[in-house]
Amino acid sequence: MYQENKKDNRFAKRFTKKVKNTYSFCLWSAKTVFLLGRQMAQDKYISGIYNYCDKWCEKCTLTKKCFLYAKEQKQLAKHKEKGENPNDLNVVMQDIKESFSETLKLLRKDAKKHGIDITALPEVESEEHDPSGHPLMQTAKTYLKLSHSFLEKLRKIIQEEGGDLIERTEIIPSAANDIGTLRQIVSSYDVILWYHALISVKIHRALQDKMDADEFSQTDADASAKIAYIGVMKSMDALKTIYNWNKALQDDALTLLAKTENLKKGINEEFPGHITFKRPGFDT
């Protein structure tokens, strides 16, 4: 009984901390939305799969198993039916409002399940841990800054190569073979573009969760670190492709490859648990 009460007290404390802090509340809402999936066919979706992905739905092969993806597609269809632009600021704000309202209902339901009165939560000091000064976070920030400049340079070269390729193809039909190479470079560009900010965000969250130093946060830390690690590895492959493609980009690509190597090493040292962490649906 003591152990059970102790566990409930830890949950109540964590629950209070999450609700009291707006930023944490947003993170909490992303995790609690999976409760909606319980109201649907259990074998149709993989519970919580969206909590451990890189959010690149267009490249994902498991969207049919993702409840959140289905929910977002349903929302997009609703906007289309109404003739609304889903990217319009007013529409986006309304979607956020509805999402928060839905999440609050889930929080109340979960609180009731654990015997917690959400209207009478105890005051809990929310200690904010800032990992900005951590060496791994500093490396991630440097990579973000350098890769942003690199992407701009790469984009211009791709545009120039694309224009030249069209002209060459008109004169030399065999030049059409270079189209496949350029497509590969564009694909590599997309990979670096997608992950260069995500890596920094996930490392920040992983370090912050680790600083919280509780059993729940460590799991979150390993999950975020794993997603960052996957992004680093995919970015390394993309950078190697670009390094072998264009001499003018080799120095910059080599610098970024060194940074990704540092990130890889830093993640493995700081979060060894990410190696064995199994993401639902992805790591089976």
C-alpha atoms as a PDB file:
ATOM      1  CA  MET A   1       0.000   0.000   0.000  1.00  0.00           C
ATOM      2  CA  TYR A   2       2.850   2.355   0.851  1.00  0.00           C
ATOM      3  CA  GLN A   3       4.490   1.744  -2.502  1.00  0.00           C
ATOM      4  CA  GLU A   4       1.194   2.358  -4.301  1.00  0.00           C
ATOM      5  CA  ASN A   5       0.578   5.640  -2.454  1.00  0.00           C
ATOM      6  CA  LYS A   6       4.154   6.690  -3.095  1.00  0.00           C
ATOM      7  CA  LYS A   7       3.661   6.058  -6.807  1.00  0.00           C
ATOM      8  CA  ASP A   8       0.392   8.014  -6.846  1.00  0.00           C
ATOM      9  CA  ASN A   9       2.056  10.918  -5.031  1.00  0.00           C
ATOM     10  CA  ARG A  10       4.833  10.996  -7.612  1.00  0.00           C
ATOM     11  CA  PHE A  11       2.232  11.007 -10.367  1.00  0.00           C
ATOM     12  CA  ALA A  12       0.279  13.838  -8.676  1.00  0.00           C
ATOM     13  CA  LYS A  13       3.427  15.901  -8.283  1.00  0.00           C
ATOM     14  CA  ARG A  14       4.429  15.360 -11.890  1.00  0.00           C
ATOM     15  CA  PHE A  15       0.877  15.972 -13.090  1.00  0.00           C
ATOM     16  CA  THR A  16       0.742  19.272 -11.189  1.00  0.00           C
ATOM     17  CA  LYS A  17       4.109  20.372 -12.524  1.00  0.00           C
ATOM     18  CA  LYS A  18       3.008  19.687 -16.082  1.00  0.00           C
ATOM     19  CA  VAL A  19      -0.244  21.582 -15.775  1.00  0.00           C
ATOM     20  CA  LYS A  20       1.286  24.557 -13.966  1.00  0.00           C
ATOM     21  CA  ASN A  21       3.932  25.131 -16.609  1.00  0.00           C
ATOM     22  CA  THR A  22       2.614  26.269 -20.012  1.00  0.00           C
ATOM     23  CA  TYR A  23       5.504  24.922 -22.058  1.00  0.00           C
ATOM     24  CA  SER A  24       5.441  21.566 -20.335  1.00  0.00           C
ATOM     25  CA  PHE A  25       1.683  21.533 -20.753  1.00  0.00           C
ATOM     26  CA  CYS A  26       2.153  21.632 -24.524  1.00  0.00           C
ATOM     27  CA  LEU A  27       4.533  18.680 -24.353  1.00  0.00           C
ATOM     28  CA  TRP A  28       2.176  16.837 -22.038  1.00  0.00           C
ATOM     29  CA  SER A  29      -0.743  17.353 -24.431  1.00  0.00           C
ATOM     30  CA  ALA A  30       1.183  15.664 -27.236  1.00  0.00           C
ATOM     31  CA  LYS A  31       1.568  12.587 -25.062  1.00  0.00           C
ATOM     32  CA  THR A  32      -1.955  12.408 -23.691  1.00  0.00           C
ATOM     33  CA  VAL A  33      -3.691  12.622 -27.057  1.00  0.00           C
ATOM     34  CA  PHE A  34      -3.016   8.902 -27.526  1.00  0.00           C
ATOM     35  CA  LEU A  35      -5.857   8.255 -25.061  1.00  0.00           C
ATOM     36  CA  LEU A  36      -8.254   9.122 -27.845  1.00  0.00           C
ATOM     37  CA  GLY A  37      -6.955   6.143 -29.754  1.00  0.00           C
ATOM     38  CA  ARG A  38      -8.325   3.839 -27.087  1.00  0.00           C
ATOM     39  CA  GLN A  39     -11.807   4.779 -28.224  1.00  0.00           C
ATOM     40  CA  MET A  40     -11.008   3.397 -31.691  1.00  0.00           C
ATOM     41  CA  ALA A  41     -10.016  -0.027 -33.025  1.00  0.00           C
ATOM     42  CA  GLN A  42      -7.089  -1.257 -30.959  1.00  0.00           C
ATOM     43  CA  ASP A  43      -5.511  -3.134 -33.841  1.00  0.00           C
ATOM     44  CA  LYS A  44      -5.758  -0.249 -36.327  1.00  0.00           C
ATOM     45  CA  TYR A  45      -3.222   2.110 -34.738  1.00  0.00           C
ATOM     46  CA  ILE A  46       0.047   1.654 -32.870  1.00  0.00           C
ATOM     47  CA  SER A  47      -0.374   3.412 -29.538  1.00  0.00           C
ATOM     48  CA  GLY A  48       1.883   6.441 -29.140  1.00  0.00           C
ATOM     49  CA  ILE A  49       3.847   5.859 -32.354  1.00  0.00           C
ATOM     50  CA  TYR A  50       3.848   9.607 -33.087  1.00  0.00           C
ATOM     51  CA  ASN A  51       5.671  10.376 -29.851  1.00  0.00           C
ATOM     52  CA  TYR A  52       8.826   8.736 -31.175  1.00  0.00           C
ATOM     53  CA  CYS A  53       9.067   9.808 -34.816  1.00  0.00           C
ATOM     54  CA  ASP A  54      10.759  12.611 -36.750  1.00  0.00           C
ATOM     55  CA  LYS A  55       7.410  14.121 -37.904  1.00  0.00           C
ATOM     56  CA  TRP A  56       8.339  13.616 -41.566  1.00  0.00           C
ATOM     57  CA  CYS A  57       4.986  12.088 -42.512  1.00  0.00           C
ATOM     58  CA  GLU A  58       5.643  12.269 -46.263  1.00  0.00           C
ATOM     59  CA  LYS A  59       8.545   9.837 -45.842  1.00  0.00           C
ATOM     60  CA  CYS A  60       6.903   7.578 -43.278  1.00  0.00           C
ATOM     61  CA  THR A  61       5.699   4.083 -44.171  1.00  0.00           C
ATOM     62  CA  LEU A  62       3.620   3.743 -41.005  1.00  0.00           C
ATOM     63  CA  THR A  63       1.110   6.579 -41.431  1.00  0.00           C
ATOM     64  CA  LYS A  64      -1.732   4.068 -41.674  1.00  0.00           C
ATOM     65  CA  LYS A  65      -0.844   2.940 -38.153  1.00  0.00           C
ATOM     66  CA  CYS A  66      -0.657   6.479 -36.745  1.00  0.00           C
ATOM     67  CA  PHE A  67      -3.728   7.828 -34.993  1.00  0.00           C
ATOM     68  CA  LEU A  68      -2.398  11.390 -34.952  1.00  0.00           C
ATOM     69  CA  TYR A  69      -1.776  11.329 -38.710  1.00  0.00           C
ATOM     70  CA  ALA A  70      -5.321  10.078 -39.296  1.00  0.00           C
ATOM     71  CA  LYS A  71      -6.646  12.809 -37.037  1.00  0.00           C
ATOM     72  CA  GLU A  72      -4.686  15.501 -38.899  1.00  0.00           C
ATOM     73  CA  GLN A  73      -5.846  14.204 -42.282  1.00  0.00           C
ATOM     74  CA  LYS A  74      -9.429  14.281 -41.082  1.00  0.00           C
ATOM     75  CA  GLN A  75      -8.903  17.868 -39.957  1.00  0.00           C
ATOM     76  CA  LEU A  76      -7.406  18.831 -43.331  1.00  0.00           C
ATOM     77  CA  ALA A  77     -10.361  17.241 -45.111  1.00  0.00           C
ATOM     78  CA  LYS A  78     -12.724  19.266 -42.929  1.00  0.00           C
ATOM     79  CA  HIS A  79     -10.971  22.512 -43.855  1.00  0.00           C
ATOM     80  CA  LYS A  80     -11.028  21.576 -47.538  1.00  0.00           C
ATOM     81  CA  GLU A  81     -14.748  20.831 -47.364  1.00  0.00           C
ATOM     82  CA  LYS A  82     -15.354  24.259 -45.821  1.00  0.00           C
ATOM     83  CA  GLY A  83     -13.124  25.955 -48.378  1.00  0.00           C
ATOM     84  CA  GLU A  84     -10.670  26.989 -45.671  1.00  0.00           C
ATOM     85  CA  ASN A  85      -6.918  27.359 -46.017  1.00  0.00           C
ATOM     86  CA  PRO A  86      -5.407  25.104 -43.290  1.00  0.00           C
ATOM     87  CA  ASN A  87      -2.341  27.388 -43.193  1.00  0.00           C
ATOM     88  CA  ASP A  88      -4.351  30.547 -42.584  1.00  0.00           C
ATOM     89  CA  LEU A  89      -3.424  32.044 -39.200  1.00  0.00           C
ATOM     90  CA  ASN A  90      -7.024  32.242 -37.973  1.00  0.00           C
ATOM     91  CA  VAL A  91      -7.674  28.641 -38.986  1.00  0.00           C
ATOM     92  CA  VAL A  92      -4.453  27.481 -37.316  1.00  0.00           C
ATOM     93  CA  MET A  93      -5.328  29.307 -34.092  1.00  0.00           C
ATOM     94  CA  GLN A  94      -8.788  27.736 -34.074  1.00  0.00           C
ATOM     95  CA  ASP A  95      -7.239  24.298 -34.529  1.00  0.00           C
ATOM     96  CA  ILE A  96      -4.901  24.965 -31.602  1.00  0.00           C
ATOM     97  CA  LYS A  97      -7.800  26.130 -29.463  1.00  0.00           C
ATOM     98  CA  GLU A  98      -9.760  22.973 -30.213  1.00  0.00           C
ATOM     99  CA  SER A  99      -6.682  20.828 -29.550  1.00  0.00           C
ATOM    100  CA  PHE A 100      -6.104  22.439 -26.150  1.00  0.00           C
ATOM    101  CA  SER A 101      -9.765  22.003 -25.267  1.00  0.00           C
ATOM    102  CA  GLU A 102      -9.609  18.347 -26.212  1.00  0.00           C
ATOM    103  CA  THR A 103      -6.371  17.875 -24.259  1.00  0.00           C
ATOM    104  CA  LEU A 104      -7.832  19.520 -21.150  1.00  0.00           C
ATOM    105  CA  LYS A 105     -10.702  17.032 -21.226  1.00  0.00           C
ATOM    106  CA  LEU A 106      -8.179  14.187 -21.384  1.00  0.00           C
ATOM    107  CA  LEU A 107      -6.172  15.646 -18.503  1.00  0.00           C
ATOM    108  CA  ARG A 108      -9.280  15.906 -16.354  1.00  0.00           C
ATOM    109  CA  LYS A 109     -10.225  12.345 -17.215  1.00  0.00           C
ATOM    110  CA  ASP A 110      -6.739  11.074 -16.370  1.00  0.00           C
ATOM    111  CA  ALA A 111      -6.653  13.097 -13.149  1.00  0.00           C
ATOM    112  CA  LYS A 112      -9.998  11.650 -12.063  1.00  0.00           C
ATOM    113  CA  LYS A 113      -8.701   8.163 -12.771  1.00  0.00           C
ATOM    114  CA  HIS A 114      -5.841   8.770 -10.321  1.00  0.00           C
ATOM    115  CA  GLY A 115      -8.057  10.446  -7.740  1.00  0.00           C
ATOM    116  CA  ILE A 116      -6.651  13.938  -8.336  1.00  0.00           C
ATOM    117  CA  ASP A 117      -8.797  17.051  -8.033  1.00  0.00           C
ATOM    118  CA  ILE A 118      -7.530  19.249 -10.857  1.00  0.00           C
ATOM    119  CA  THR A 119      -9.165  22.326  -9.311  1.00  0.00           C
ATOM    120  CA  ALA A 120      -7.241  21.905  -6.058  1.00  0.00           C
ATOM    121  CA  LEU A 121      -3.726  21.058  -7.144  1.00  0.00           C
ATOM    122  CA  PRO A 122      -0.942  21.701  -4.618  1.00  0.00           C
ATOM    123  CA  GLU A 123       1.579  24.408  -5.305  1.00  0.00           C
ATOM    124  CA  VAL A 124       4.658  22.849  -6.830  1.00  0.00           C
ATOM    125  CA  GLU A 125       7.767  24.791  -7.694  1.00  0.00           C
ATOM    126  CA  SER A 126       8.595  24.231 -11.333  1.00  0.00           C
ATOM    127  CA  GLU A 127      12.360  24.243 -11.618  1.00  0.00           C
ATOM    128  CA  GLU A 128      13.416  25.127 -15.126  1.00  0.00           C
ATOM    129  CA  HIS A 129      16.528  23.317 -16.280  1.00  0.00           C
ATOM    130  CA  ASP A 130      18.415  25.057 -19.049  1.00  0.00           C
ATOM    131  CA  PRO A 131      20.792  22.798 -20.992  1.00  0.00           C
ATOM    132  CA  SER A 132      21.997  25.615 -23.256  1.00  0.00           C
ATOM    133  CA  GLY A 133      25.486  25.574 -21.761  1.00  0.00           C
ATOM    134  CA  HIS A 134      25.956  21.831 -22.078  1.00  0.00           C
ATOM    135  CA  PRO A 135      28.785  20.912 -24.523  1.00  0.00           C
ATOM    136  CA  LEU A 136      26.474  18.647 -26.537  1.00  0.00           C
ATOM    137  CA  MET A 137      23.916  21.419 -26.846  1.00  0.00           C
ATOM    138  CA  GLN A 138      26.615  23.841 -27.910  1.00  0.00           C
ATOM    139  CA  THR A 139      27.716  21.435 -30.639  1.00  0.00           C
ATOM    140  CA  ALA A 140      24.111  21.071 -31.802  1.00  0.00           C
ATOM    141  CA  LYS A 141      23.716  24.852 -31.989  1.00  0.00           C
ATOM    142  CA  THR A 142      26.930  25.204 -33.977  1.00  0.00           C
ATOM    143  CA  TYR A 143      25.793  22.495 -36.377  1.00  0.00           C
ATOM    144  CA  LEU A 144      22.442  24.230 -36.790  1.00  0.00           C
ATOM    145  CA  LYS A 145      24.088  27.534 -37.640  1.00  0.00           C
ATOM    146  CA  LEU A 146      26.668  26.076 -40.031  1.00  0.00           C
ATOM    147  CA  SER A 147      24.218  23.784 -41.796  1.00  0.00           C
ATOM    148  CA  HIS A 148      21.786  26.660 -42.321  1.00  0.00           C
ATOM    149  CA  SER A 149      24.447  28.572 -44.266  1.00  0.00           C
ATOM    150  CA  PHE A 150      25.498  25.411 -46.078  1.00  0.00           C
ATOM    151  CA  LEU A 151      21.931  24.701 -47.187  1.00  0.00           C
ATOM    152  CA  GLU A 152      21.581  28.165 -48.677  1.00  0.00           C
ATOM    153  CA  LYS A 153      24.782  27.668 -50.679  1.00  0.00           C
ATOM    154  CA  LEU A 154      23.707  24.185 -51.742  1.00  0.00           C
ATOM    155  CA  ARG A 155      20.279  25.405 -52.831  1.00  0.00           C
ATOM    156  CA  LYS A 156      21.813  27.961 -55.189  1.00  0.00           C
ATOM    157  CA  ILE A 157      24.164  25.398 -56.706  1.00  0.00           C
ATOM    158  CA  ILE A 158      21.305  22.942 -57.237  1.00  0.00           C
ATOM    159  CA  GLN A 159      19.301  25.656 -59.024  1.00  0.00           C
ATOM    160  CA  GLU A 160      22.270  26.494 -61.245  1.00  0.00           C
ATOM    161  CA  GLU A 161      22.958  22.839 -62.004  1.00  0.00           C
ATOM    162  CA  GLY A 162      19.299  22.278 -62.812  1.00  0.00           C
ATOM    163  CA  GLY A 163      19.266  25.130 -65.318  1.00  0.00           C
ATOM    164  CA  ASP A 164      22.518  23.986 -66.914  1.00  0.00           C
ATOM    165  CA  LEU A 165      21.238  20.419 -67.088  1.00  0.00           C
ATOM    166  CA  ILE A 166      18.176  21.456 -69.070  1.00  0.00           C
ATOM    167  CA  GLU A 167      20.377  23.278 -71.594  1.00  0.00           C
ATOM    168  CA  ARG A 168      22.831  20.359 -71.829  1.00  0.00           C
ATOM    169  CA  THR A 169      20.032  17.853 -72.342  1.00  0.00           C
ATOM    170  CA  GLU A 170      18.743  19.838 -75.323  1.00  0.00           C
ATOM    171  CA  ILE A 171      22.187  19.676 -76.939  1.00  0.00           C
ATOM    172  CA  ILE A 172      23.439  16.315 -75.635  1.00  0.00           C
ATOM    173  CA  PRO A 173      20.625  13.787 -75.049  1.00  0.00           C
ATOM    174  CA  SER A 174      22.908  11.522 -72.993  1.00  0.00           C
ATOM    175  CA  ALA A 175      23.160  14.309 -70.392  1.00  0.00           C
ATOM    176  CA  ALA A 176      19.705  13.197 -69.282  1.00  0.00           C
ATOM    177  CA  ASN A 177      21.502  10.517 -67.262  1.00  0.00           C
ATOM    178  CA  ASP A 178      22.659  13.295 -64.921  1.00  0.00           C
ATOM    179  CA  ILE A 179      19.050  13.932 -63.902  1.00  0.00           C
ATOM    180  CA  GLY A 180      19.163  10.903 -61.587  1.00  0.00           C
ATOM    181  CA  THR A 181      22.271  12.275 -59.896  1.00  0.00           C
ATOM    182  CA  LEU A 182      20.695  15.676 -59.384  1.00  0.00           C
ATOM    183  CA  ARG A 183      17.596  14.057 -57.910  1.00  0.00           C
ATOM    184  CA  GLN A 184      19.819  12.261 -55.421  1.00  0.00           C
ATOM    185  CA  ILE A 185      21.439  15.559 -54.458  1.00  0.00           C
ATOM    186  CA  VAL A 186      18.044  17.200 -54.025  1.00  0.00           C
ATOM    187  CA  SER A 187      17.038  14.280 -51.811  1.00  0.00           C
ATOM    188  CA  SER A 188      20.201  14.763 -49.730  1.00  0.00           C
ATOM    189  CA  TYR A 189      19.415  18.471 -49.477  1.00  0.00           C
ATOM    190  CA  ASP A 190      15.936  17.628 -48.173  1.00  0.00           C
ATOM    191  CA  VAL A 191      17.385  15.305 -45.526  1.00  0.00           C
ATOM    192  CA  ILE A 192      19.828  17.895 -44.182  1.00  0.00           C
ATOM    193  CA  LEU A 193      17.146  20.579 -44.300  1.00  0.00           C
ATOM    194  CA  TRP A 194      14.628  18.465 -42.396  1.00  0.00           C
ATOM    195  CA  TYR A 195      16.937  17.314 -39.630  1.00  0.00           C
ATOM    196  CA  HIS A 196      19.285  20.265 -39.059  1.00  0.00           C
ATOM    197  CA  ALA A 197      16.846  21.998 -36.682  1.00  0.00           C
ATOM    198  CA  LEU A 198      15.186  18.827 -35.371  1.00  0.00           C
ATOM    199  CA  ILE A 199      18.512  17.493 -34.097  1.00  0.00           C
ATOM    200  CA  SER A 200      19.014  20.590 -31.973  1.00  0.00           C
ATOM    201  CA  VAL A 201      15.441  20.513 -30.653  1.00  0.00           C
ATOM    202  CA  LYS A 202      15.600  16.822 -29.693  1.00  0.00           C
ATOM    203  CA  ILE A 203      18.985  17.136 -28.019  1.00  0.00           C
ATOM    204  CA  HIS A 204      17.719  20.115 -26.019  1.00  0.00           C
ATOM    205  CA  ARG A 205      14.700  18.129 -24.868  1.00  0.00           C
ATOM    206  CA  ALA A 206      16.768  15.033 -24.077  1.00  0.00           C
ATOM    207  CA  LEU A 207      19.183  17.046 -21.926  1.00  0.00           C
ATOM    208  CA  GLN A 208      16.341  18.868 -20.201  1.00  0.00           C
ATOM    209  CA  ASP A 209      14.571  15.598 -19.414  1.00  0.00           C
ATOM    210  CA  LYS A 210      17.793  14.109 -18.074  1.00  0.00           C
ATOM    211  CA  MET A 211      18.182  17.105 -15.760  1.00  0.00           C
ATOM    212  CA  ASP A 212      14.722  16.401 -14.339  1.00  0.00           C
ATOM    213  CA  ALA A 213      16.212  13.149 -13.047  1.00  0.00           C
ATOM    214  CA  ASP A 214      13.102  11.016 -12.519  1.00  0.00           C
ATOM    215  CA  GLU A 215      12.019   7.666 -13.918  1.00  0.00           C
ATOM    216  CA  PHE A 216       9.585   9.218 -16.395  1.00  0.00           C
ATOM    217  CA  SER A 217      11.985  11.820 -17.733  1.00  0.00           C
ATOM    218  CA  GLN A 218      14.805   9.349 -18.374  1.00  0.00           C
ATOM    219  CA  THR A 219      12.595   7.391 -20.767  1.00  0.00           C
ATOM    220  CA  ASP A 220      11.702  10.610 -22.572  1.00  0.00           C
ATOM    221  CA  ALA A 221      15.373  11.571 -22.685  1.00  0.00           C
ATOM    222  CA  ASP A 222      16.385   8.288 -24.332  1.00  0.00           C
ATOM    223  CA  ALA A 223      13.520   8.599 -26.830  1.00  0.00           C
ATOM    224  CA  SER A 224      14.456  12.147 -27.838  1.00  0.00           C
ATOM    225  CA  ALA A 225      18.140  11.219 -28.006  1.00  0.00           C
ATOM    226  CA  LYS A 226      17.335   8.301 -30.310  1.00  0.00           C
ATOM    227  CA  ILE A 227      15.424  10.533 -32.728  1.00  0.00           C
ATOM    228  CA  ALA A 228      18.306  13.036 -32.693  1.00  0.00           C
ATOM    229  CA  TYR A 229      20.774  10.196 -33.315  1.00  0.00           C
ATOM    230  CA  ILE A 230      18.782   8.912 -36.290  1.00  0.00           C
ATOM    231  CA  GLY A 231      18.714  12.446 -37.707  1.00  0.00           C
ATOM    232  CA  VAL A 232      22.469  12.740 -37.269  1.00  0.00           C
ATOM    233  CA  MET A 233      23.152   9.453 -39.042  1.00  0.00           C
ATOM    234  CA  LYS A 234      20.882  10.283 -41.987  1.00  0.00           C
ATOM    235  CA  SER A 235      22.465  13.726 -42.246  1.00  0.00           C
ATOM    236  CA  MET A 236      25.930  12.187 -42.294  1.00  0.00           C
ATOM    237  CA  ASP A 237      24.980   9.982 -45.253  1.00  0.00           C
ATOM    238  CA  ALA A 238      23.495  12.975 -47.087  1.00  0.00           C
ATOM    239  CA  LEU A 239      26.597  15.083 -46.454  1.00  0.00           C
ATOM    240  CA  LYS A 240      28.867  12.323 -47.775  1.00  0.00           C
ATOM    241  CA  THR A 241      26.806  12.193 -50.967  1.00  0.00           C
ATOM    242  CA  ILE A 242      27.155  15.943 -51.466  1.00  0.00           C
ATOM    243  CA  TYR A 243      30.883  15.838 -50.608  1.00  0.00           C
ATOM    244  CA  ASN A 244      31.457  13.333 -53.428  1.00  0.00           C
ATOM    245  CA  TRP A 245      29.328  15.338 -55.846  1.00  0.00           C
ATOM    246  CA  ASN A 246      30.680  18.876 -55.797  1.00  0.00           C
ATOM    247  CA  LYS A 247      34.245  19.994 -55.062  1.00  0.00           C
ATOM    248  CA  ALA A 248      33.155  23.554 -54.292  1.00  0.00           C
ATOM    249  CA  LEU A 249      31.137  22.223 -51.339  1.00  0.00           C
ATOM    250  CA  GLN A 250      33.693  19.758 -49.989  1.00  0.00           C
ATOM    251  CA  ASP A 251      35.278  21.994 -47.350  1.00  0.00           C
ATOM    252  CA  ASP A 252      31.900  22.992 -45.885  1.00  0.00           C
ATOM    253  CA  ALA A 253      30.590  19.424 -46.103  1.00  0.00           C
ATOM    254  CA  LEU A 254      33.704  18.130 -44.333  1.00  0.00           C
ATOM    255  CA  THR A 255      33.247  20.667 -41.527  1.00  0.00           C
ATOM    256  CA  LEU A 256      29.652  19.559 -41.047  1.00  0.00           C
ATOM    257  CA  LEU A 257      30.642  15.905 -41.154  1.00  0.00           C
ATOM    258  CA  ALA A 258      33.065  16.574 -38.305  1.00  0.00           C
ATOM    259  CA  LYS A 259      30.260  18.193 -36.325  1.00  0.00           C
ATOM    260  CA  THR A 260      27.904  15.274 -36.949  1.00  0.00           C
ATOM    261  CA  GLU A 261      30.636  12.901 -35.769  1.00  0.00           C
ATOM    262  CA  ASN A 262      30.896  14.947 -32.563  1.00  0.00           C
ATOM    263  CA  LEU A 263      27.109  14.842 -32.169  1.00  0.00           C
ATOM    264  CA  LYS A 264      27.064  11.092 -32.697  1.00  0.00           C
ATOM    265  CA  LYS A 265      29.753  10.559 -30.082  1.00  0.00           C
ATOM    266  CA  GLY A 266      28.139  13.013 -27.644  1.00  0.00           C
ATOM    267  CA  ILE A 267      24.701  11.399 -27.876  1.00  0.00           C
ATOM    268  CA  ASN A 268      26.141   7.920 -27.328  1.00  0.00           C
ATOM    269  CA  GLU A 269      28.098   9.073 -24.271  1.00  0.00           C
ATOM    270  CA  GLU A 270      25.331  11.177 -22.724  1.00  0.00           C
ATOM    271  CA  PHE A 271      22.423   8.852 -23.514  1.00  0.00           C
ATOM    272  CA  PRO A 272      23.628   5.235 -23.798  1.00  0.00           C
ATOM    273  CA  GLY A 273      20.040   4.120 -23.168  1.00  0.00           C
ATOM    274  CA  HIS A 274      18.961   5.345 -26.586  1.00  0.00           C
ATOM    275  CA  ILE A 275      20.730   2.381 -28.196  1.00  0.00           C
ATOM    276  CA  THR A 276      18.389  -0.192 -26.635  1.00  0.00           C
ATOM    277  CA  PHE A 277      15.306   2.034 -26.526  1.00  0.00           C
ATOM    278  CA  LYS A 278      12.531   0.534 -28.651  1.00  0.00           C
ATOM    279  CA  ARG A 279      10.162   2.921 -30.395  1.00  0.00           C
ATOM    280  CA  PRO A 280       6.646   1.511 -30.883  1.00  0.00           C
ATOM    281  CA  GLY A 281       6.235   0.400 -34.481  1.00  0.00           C
ATOM    282  CA  PHE A 282       9.688   1.477 -35.638  1.00  0.00           C
ATOM    283  CA  ASP A 283      12.044  -0.716 -33.629  1.00  0.00           C
ATOM    284  CA  THR A 284      10.530  -4.175 -33.561  1.00  0.00           C
END
